[in-house]
Amino acid sequence: MGLGRTDIWRTGIVHAPMAQILRDGGVAGHEVTWLDNPGRFRFIADPFGVWRDGRLYLFAEVYDYRVKIGRIDVFVFDRDLTLLEHCPVLNEPWHLSYPVMVHDTDGTLYMMPESGKSGQQHLYRAIDFPYRWERVDDFRFPGAIVDASPIFHDGRWWMFYAPWGQCATDRISLLHVAWAERLTGPWNPHPGNPVRHDIRSTRPGGTPIVTETGLVLPTQDCALTYGGAITPLHVTVLTPERFEAEAGLPLTPPLTFAPYDDGMHTLSAAGDVTLIDVKHTDPSVAGRAIVELDRLVLRRARRAVGL
């Protein structure tokens, strides 16, 4: 969030599989079930999900501008996409977002949220799905990264990610790749890193999937604004030595989503539905002032109860 500007994200469930949305070139014309707005200057973003026993478990970042530390919540829907339950499932002292859900080759379910402010990438195993998650101690990845997006492809695990680095611009303009024989590692950074340099098609923005045209990685187009659109990146060559890819046309939120038509930065597959988030940018200085006032009130309330 910049001075005098607040990005508010809204999460939705599109009633179409991700491969179809990629073929259609966007989400326009598809029915969407929206999650309720959590309140002023709060948002729900970065949705990822899995189906179990006829229920959709949607995991997402829940963020409050007054606190500035994201947590991960789960939203449970039935087959008709009626919300049954909502609760927090993962809090850490550092910011969490982008809770990628990944099944290992043995079927074990893991969560790999973005955790760059902790100084390293973490992996969590479900021990009481969907409520309790434990950190996997033997997971090793060389350094902190942004929006890790793993996929098992052609007999190996691949990880697409943006570098944490010292330069914030690198996080939206450079794509890195690593590979491993096992999800827990050890992970090997690609010798070509950064394999791609383009502010329109590098930072991961959802689940990599294999379609009839090959491997596709959703990436963010940040040329005009952070998370302005989703650019499908078609990976044509992926080996431990080589990487080649071609960017498709960007997917933008339709005008019918107004006022949440200022950007879209997640496109994630969940069976026969697709999860997205779209944003409304509040450009007012008044909006920023309200955020700062709310944060001050919250701090005073915490001091009053000894927190």
Protein backbone atom coordinates (compact mmCIF):
# COMPACT_ATOMS: atom_id res chain seq x y z
CA MET A 1 0.00 0.00 0.00
CA GLY A 2 1.43 3.38 -1.01
CA LEU A 3 0.75 6.77 0.56
CA GLY A 4 -2.88 7.72 0.03
CA ARG A 5 -3.73 4.44 -1.69
CA THR A 6 -5.24 1.23 -0.40
CA ASP A 7 -5.63 -2.00 -2.38
CA ILE A 8 -8.63 -4.04 -1.24
CA TRP A 9 -8.88 -7.56 -2.64
CA ARG A 10 -12.00 -9.69 -3.07
CA THR A 11 -11.94 -13.47 -3.43
CA GLY A 12 -14.30 -15.42 -5.66
CA ILE A 13 -15.03 -18.96 -6.79
CA VAL A 14 -15.51 -19.17 -10.56
CA HIS A 15 -17.86 -21.95 -11.66
CA ALA A 16 -15.49 -23.31 -14.32
CA PRO A 17 -12.24 -25.31 -14.31
CA MET A 18 -9.00 -23.39 -14.78
CA ALA A 19 -8.22 -25.02 -18.14
CA GLN A 20 -11.50 -23.68 -19.51
CA ILE A 21 -10.80 -20.17 -18.23
CA LEU A 22 -7.41 -20.26 -19.94
CA ARG A 23 -9.06 -21.37 -23.19
CA ASP A 24 -11.69 -18.62 -22.86
CA GLY A 25 -9.08 -15.98 -22.16
CA GLY A 26 -10.71 -14.81 -18.94
CA VAL A 27 -13.51 -15.21 -16.42
CA ALA A 28 -16.12 -13.03 -18.12
CA GLY A 29 -19.41 -14.84 -18.64
CA HIS A 30 -18.82 -17.39 -15.88
CA GLU A 31 -20.83 -17.47 -12.67
CA VAL A 32 -18.88 -16.40 -9.57
CA THR A 33 -19.59 -17.06 -5.89
CA TRP A 34 -18.00 -14.25 -3.85
CA LEU A 35 -16.73 -14.42 -0.29
CA ASP A 36 -18.18 -11.75 1.99
CA ASN A 37 -16.17 -8.62 2.59
CA PRO A 38 -14.51 -8.97 6.05
CA GLY A 39 -14.86 -5.28 6.93
CA ARG A 40 -13.31 -1.93 6.11
CA PHE A 41 -9.63 -1.96 5.21
CA ARG A 42 -9.45 -5.72 5.53
CA PHE A 43 -9.37 -8.21 2.72
CA ILE A 44 -9.25 -11.88 1.74
CA ALA A 45 -6.78 -12.75 -1.02
CA ASP A 46 -4.48 -15.43 -2.48
CA PRO A 47 -7.07 -18.25 -2.53
CA PHE A 48 -6.06 -21.89 -2.98
CA GLY A 49 -8.29 -24.89 -2.44
CA VAL A 50 -8.84 -28.64 -2.33
CA TRP A 51 -11.97 -30.80 -2.42
CA ARG A 52 -12.56 -33.52 0.17
CA ASP A 53 -15.72 -35.59 0.68
CA GLY A 54 -17.84 -33.24 -1.39
CA ARG A 55 -16.61 -30.08 0.33
CA LEU A 56 -14.38 -27.31 -0.94
CA TYR A 57 -11.73 -26.16 1.53
CA LEU A 58 -10.58 -22.72 0.45
CA PHE A 59 -7.44 -21.40 2.15
CA ALA A 60 -6.59 -17.72 1.82
CA GLU A 61 -4.64 -14.83 3.28
CA VAL A 62 -6.69 -12.66 5.65
CA TYR A 63 -5.16 -9.21 6.05
CA ASP A 64 -5.91 -6.17 8.18
CA TYR A 65 -4.10 -2.94 7.26
CA ARG A 66 -4.03 -1.93 10.93
CA VAL A 67 -2.02 -5.04 11.87
CA LYS A 68 -0.04 -5.60 8.65
CA ILE A 69 0.58 -9.29 9.32
CA GLY A 70 -1.40 -11.73 7.23
CA ARG A 71 -2.70 -15.03 8.56
CA ILE A 72 -4.17 -18.07 6.83
CA ASP A 73 -7.88 -18.90 7.22
CA VAL A 74 -9.98 -21.74 5.84
CA PHE A 75 -13.44 -21.32 4.32
CA VAL A 76 -15.46 -24.53 3.98
CA PHE A 77 -18.14 -24.81 1.29
CA ASP A 78 -20.55 -27.59 0.39
CA ARG A 79 -21.01 -28.86 -3.17
CA ASP A 80 -23.48 -26.02 -3.88
CA LEU A 81 -20.82 -23.53 -2.69
CA THR A 82 -22.75 -22.54 0.41
CA LEU A 83 -20.36 -21.42 3.15
CA LEU A 84 -20.47 -23.83 6.09
CA GLU A 85 -17.55 -22.72 8.24
CA HIS A 86 -14.74 -20.16 8.48
CA CYS A 87 -11.85 -20.04 10.95
CA PRO A 88 -8.13 -19.18 11.24
CA VAL A 89 -5.79 -22.15 10.79
CA LEU A 90 -2.25 -20.75 10.67
CA ASN A 91 -0.67 -17.79 12.47
CA GLU A 92 3.03 -16.99 12.75
CA PRO A 93 4.97 -14.00 14.12
CA TRP A 94 5.71 -13.11 10.49
CA HIS A 95 3.44 -12.30 7.56
CA LEU A 96 1.79 -15.23 5.79
CA SER A 97 0.09 -15.24 2.40
CA TYR A 98 -0.25 -17.32 -0.81
CA PRO A 99 -1.11 -20.64 0.91
CA VAL A 100 -0.41 -23.08 -1.92
CA MET A 101 -1.93 -26.52 -1.30
CA VAL A 102 0.13 -29.40 -2.67
CA HIS A 103 -0.30 -33.16 -2.58
CA ASP A 104 2.94 -35.13 -2.44
CA THR A 105 3.31 -38.17 -4.66
CA ASP A 106 2.23 -40.39 -1.72
CA GLY A 107 -0.98 -38.36 -1.26
CA THR A 108 0.12 -36.41 1.82
CA LEU A 109 -1.31 -32.89 1.82
CA TYR A 110 0.95 -29.93 2.52
CA MET A 111 0.60 -26.16 2.67
CA MET A 112 3.42 -23.95 1.39
CA PRO A 113 2.53 -20.34 2.29
CA GLU A 114 4.67 -17.35 1.42
CA SER A 115 6.80 -16.67 4.50
CA GLY A 116 9.66 -14.54 3.21
CA LYS A 117 9.77 -12.22 6.23
CA SER A 118 10.82 -15.18 8.37
CA GLY A 119 14.02 -15.44 6.34
CA GLN A 120 13.18 -18.81 4.79
CA GLN A 121 10.50 -20.78 2.99
CA HIS A 122 8.43 -23.10 5.21
CA LEU A 123 6.36 -26.18 4.47
CA TYR A 124 3.47 -27.36 6.67
CA ARG A 125 1.85 -30.79 6.97
CA ALA A 126 -1.83 -31.27 7.82
CA ILE A 127 -2.11 -33.14 11.11
CA ASP A 128 -5.82 -32.43 11.72
CA PHE A 129 -7.21 -31.27 8.40
CA PRO A 130 -8.13 -28.48 7.91
CA TYR A 131 -7.53 -26.98 11.36
CA ARG A 132 -4.01 -27.93 12.48
CA TRP A 133 -0.77 -27.70 10.56
CA GLU A 134 2.78 -28.45 11.70
CA ARG A 135 6.00 -27.18 10.21
CA VAL A 136 8.04 -29.82 8.38
CA ASP A 137 11.47 -29.69 9.99
CA ASP A 138 13.32 -31.58 7.27
CA PHE A 139 12.13 -29.28 4.47
CA ARG A 140 15.06 -27.34 3.09
CA PHE A 141 15.07 -24.57 0.54
CA PRO A 142 18.04 -22.24 -0.07
CA GLY A 143 16.83 -18.88 1.22
CA ALA A 144 13.65 -16.83 1.44
CA ILE A 145 11.48 -16.69 -1.67
CA VAL A 146 8.19 -15.15 -2.82
CA ASP A 147 5.01 -16.96 -3.91
CA ALA A 148 6.46 -20.45 -4.32
CA SER A 149 4.40 -22.46 -6.83
CA PRO A 150 5.34 -26.16 -6.97
CA ILE A 151 4.27 -28.87 -9.40
CA PHE A 152 5.31 -32.49 -9.97
CA HIS A 153 6.03 -32.74 -13.69
CA ASP A 154 7.96 -35.21 -15.85
CA GLY A 155 9.18 -37.20 -12.86
CA ARG A 156 10.52 -34.25 -10.83
CA TRP A 157 9.30 -31.55 -8.49
CA TRP A 158 9.60 -28.04 -9.89
CA MET A 159 9.27 -24.78 -7.99
CA PHE A 160 8.52 -21.46 -9.65
CA TYR A 161 9.12 -18.40 -7.49
CA ALA A 162 10.23 -14.79 -7.29
CA PRO A 163 13.41 -13.92 -5.39
CA TRP A 164 13.09 -12.27 -2.00
CA GLY A 165 16.24 -10.22 -2.45
CA GLN A 166 16.98 -6.68 -1.39
CA CYS A 167 15.23 -5.00 -4.30
CA ALA A 168 11.42 -4.98 -4.21
CA THR A 169 11.31 -4.58 -8.00
CA ASP A 170 12.94 -8.01 -8.40
CA ARG A 171 9.92 -9.58 -6.70
CA ILE A 172 7.64 -8.50 -9.54
CA SER A 173 10.03 -8.73 -12.50
CA LEU A 174 12.20 -11.85 -12.09
CA LEU A 175 11.24 -15.52 -12.31
CA HIS A 176 13.35 -18.23 -10.70
CA VAL A 177 13.05 -22.01 -10.93
CA ALA A 178 14.33 -24.87 -8.76
CA TRP A 179 13.94 -28.64 -8.98
CA ALA A 180 14.08 -31.60 -6.59
CA GLU A 181 13.58 -35.34 -6.54
CA ARG A 182 11.37 -35.03 -3.44
CA LEU A 183 9.03 -32.27 -2.30
CA THR A 184 11.00 -31.88 0.94
CA GLY A 185 14.22 -31.41 -1.02
CA PRO A 186 17.08 -30.88 -1.34
CA TRP A 187 16.17 -28.23 -3.90
CA ASN A 188 18.50 -27.26 -6.72
CA PRO A 189 18.28 -23.70 -8.09
CA HIS A 190 18.20 -23.60 -11.88
CA PRO A 191 21.58 -22.52 -13.35
CA GLY A 192 19.74 -20.05 -15.61
CA ASN A 193 18.18 -18.08 -12.74
CA PRO A 194 16.63 -15.66 -13.22
CA VAL A 195 15.16 -17.63 -16.11
CA ARG A 196 12.90 -14.73 -17.12
CA HIS A 197 12.98 -10.96 -16.65
CA ASP A 198 9.67 -9.26 -17.47
CA ILE A 199 7.42 -7.26 -15.16
CA ARG A 200 4.39 -8.52 -17.15
CA SER A 201 4.93 -12.27 -16.75
CA THR A 202 7.24 -13.45 -13.98
CA ARG A 203 5.88 -13.26 -10.42
CA PRO A 204 3.79 -16.41 -9.84
CA GLY A 205 0.06 -15.87 -9.46
CA GLY A 206 -1.55 -19.25 -8.87
CA THR A 207 -1.27 -22.97 -9.50
CA PRO A 208 0.80 -24.33 -12.38
CA ILE A 209 -1.25 -26.81 -14.39
CA VAL A 210 -0.77 -29.07 -17.40
CA THR A 211 -3.31 -28.45 -20.17
CA GLU A 212 -3.66 -29.81 -23.68
CA THR A 213 -1.16 -27.15 -24.76
CA GLY A 214 1.41 -28.03 -22.09
CA LEU A 215 2.54 -26.62 -18.76
CA VAL A 216 1.05 -23.23 -17.87
CA LEU A 217 2.11 -21.01 -14.95
CA PRO A 218 -0.19 -18.11 -13.98
CA THR A 219 1.95 -15.00 -13.48
CA GLN A 220 1.20 -11.42 -12.49
CA ASP A 221 1.25 -8.49 -14.86
CA CYS A 222 2.55 -5.65 -12.68
CA ALA A 223 3.43 -3.20 -15.45
CA LEU A 224 0.75 -0.64 -14.51
CA THR A 225 -0.09 -1.70 -10.97
CA TYR A 226 0.77 -4.52 -8.60
CA GLY A 227 -1.40 -7.49 -9.54
CA GLY A 228 -2.93 -5.72 -12.52
CA ALA A 229 -3.74 -8.93 -14.43
CA ILE A 230 -2.86 -12.61 -14.77
CA THR A 231 -0.57 -13.52 -17.65
CA PRO A 232 -0.52 -17.24 -18.55
CA LEU A 233 3.12 -18.25 -19.05
CA HIS A 234 3.36 -21.26 -21.38
CA VAL A 235 6.48 -23.22 -20.43
CA THR A 236 7.85 -24.87 -23.57
CA VAL A 237 11.20 -26.19 -22.29
CA LEU A 238 11.82 -27.25 -18.68
CA THR A 239 14.91 -29.28 -17.79
CA PRO A 240 17.54 -28.95 -15.05
CA GLU A 241 19.69 -27.11 -17.62
CA ARG A 242 17.23 -25.21 -19.84
CA PHE A 243 14.09 -23.08 -19.55
CA GLU A 244 11.98 -21.49 -22.28
CA ALA A 245 8.52 -19.95 -22.06
CA GLU A 246 6.10 -17.75 -23.97
CA ALA A 247 3.64 -15.31 -22.42
CA GLY A 248 -0.01 -15.44 -23.43
CA LEU A 249 -2.51 -12.61 -23.43
CA PRO A 250 -3.31 -11.16 -19.98
CA LEU A 251 -6.53 -12.08 -18.16
CA THR A 252 -8.17 -9.01 -16.66
CA PRO A 253 -11.24 -8.65 -14.43
CA PRO A 254 -14.34 -7.75 -16.47
CA LEU A 255 -16.04 -4.39 -15.94
CA THR A 256 -19.00 -6.24 -14.41
CA PHE A 257 -16.79 -6.83 -11.35
CA ALA A 258 -16.69 -3.07 -10.65
CA PRO A 259 -15.52 -1.60 -8.39
CA TYR A 260 -13.27 -4.66 -8.09
CA ASP A 261 -11.91 -4.34 -11.61
CA ASP A 262 -8.55 -2.67 -10.91
CA GLY A 263 -6.56 -5.90 -10.94
CA MET A 264 -6.44 -9.67 -10.54
CA HIS A 265 -3.43 -11.51 -9.12
CA THR A 266 -4.46 -15.10 -8.34
CA LEU A 267 -5.78 -17.86 -10.59
CA SER A 268 -5.75 -21.23 -8.85
CA ALA A 269 -7.23 -24.59 -9.84
CA ALA A 270 -9.59 -26.52 -7.55
CA GLY A 271 -11.16 -29.29 -9.57
CA ASP A 272 -14.20 -28.06 -11.47
CA VAL A 273 -13.93 -24.54 -10.04
CA THR A 274 -11.25 -21.86 -10.15
CA LEU A 275 -10.32 -19.45 -7.38
CA ILE A 276 -9.53 -15.82 -8.09
CA ASP A 277 -9.00 -12.52 -6.35
CA VAL A 278 -9.67 -9.09 -7.82
CA LYS A 279 -9.00 -5.66 -6.40
CA HIS A 280 -10.42 -2.21 -5.86
CA THR A 281 -7.90 0.57 -5.32
CA ASP A 282 -9.02 3.33 -2.96
CA PRO A 283 -6.92 6.34 -4.04
CA SER A 284 -8.12 8.69 -1.31
CA VAL A 285 -5.92 10.25 1.33
CA ALA A 286 -8.97 9.94 3.58
CA GLY A 287 -8.83 6.18 3.19
CA ARG A 288 -5.22 6.09 4.34
CA ALA A 289 -6.07 8.37 7.28
CA ILE A 290 -8.85 5.99 8.39
CA VAL A 291 -6.43 3.07 8.27
CA GLU A 292 -3.89 4.96 10.40
CA LEU A 293 -6.58 6.02 12.89
CA ASP A 294 -7.87 2.47 13.20
CA ARG A 295 -4.33 1.22 13.78
CA LEU A 296 -3.79 3.80 16.54
CA VAL A 297 -7.05 2.81 18.25
CA LEU A 298 -6.08 -0.86 18.03
CA ARG A 299 -2.66 -0.19 19.58
CA ARG A 300 -4.20 1.73 22.47
CA ALA A 301 -6.72 -1.05 23.08
CA ARG A 302 -3.89 -3.60 23.21
CA ARG A 303 -1.92 -1.49 25.68
CA ALA A 304 -5.02 -1.19 27.86
CA VAL A 305 -5.23 -4.97 28.25
CA GLY A 306 -1.47 -5.43 28.59
CA LEU A 307 -0.75 -6.83 25.12
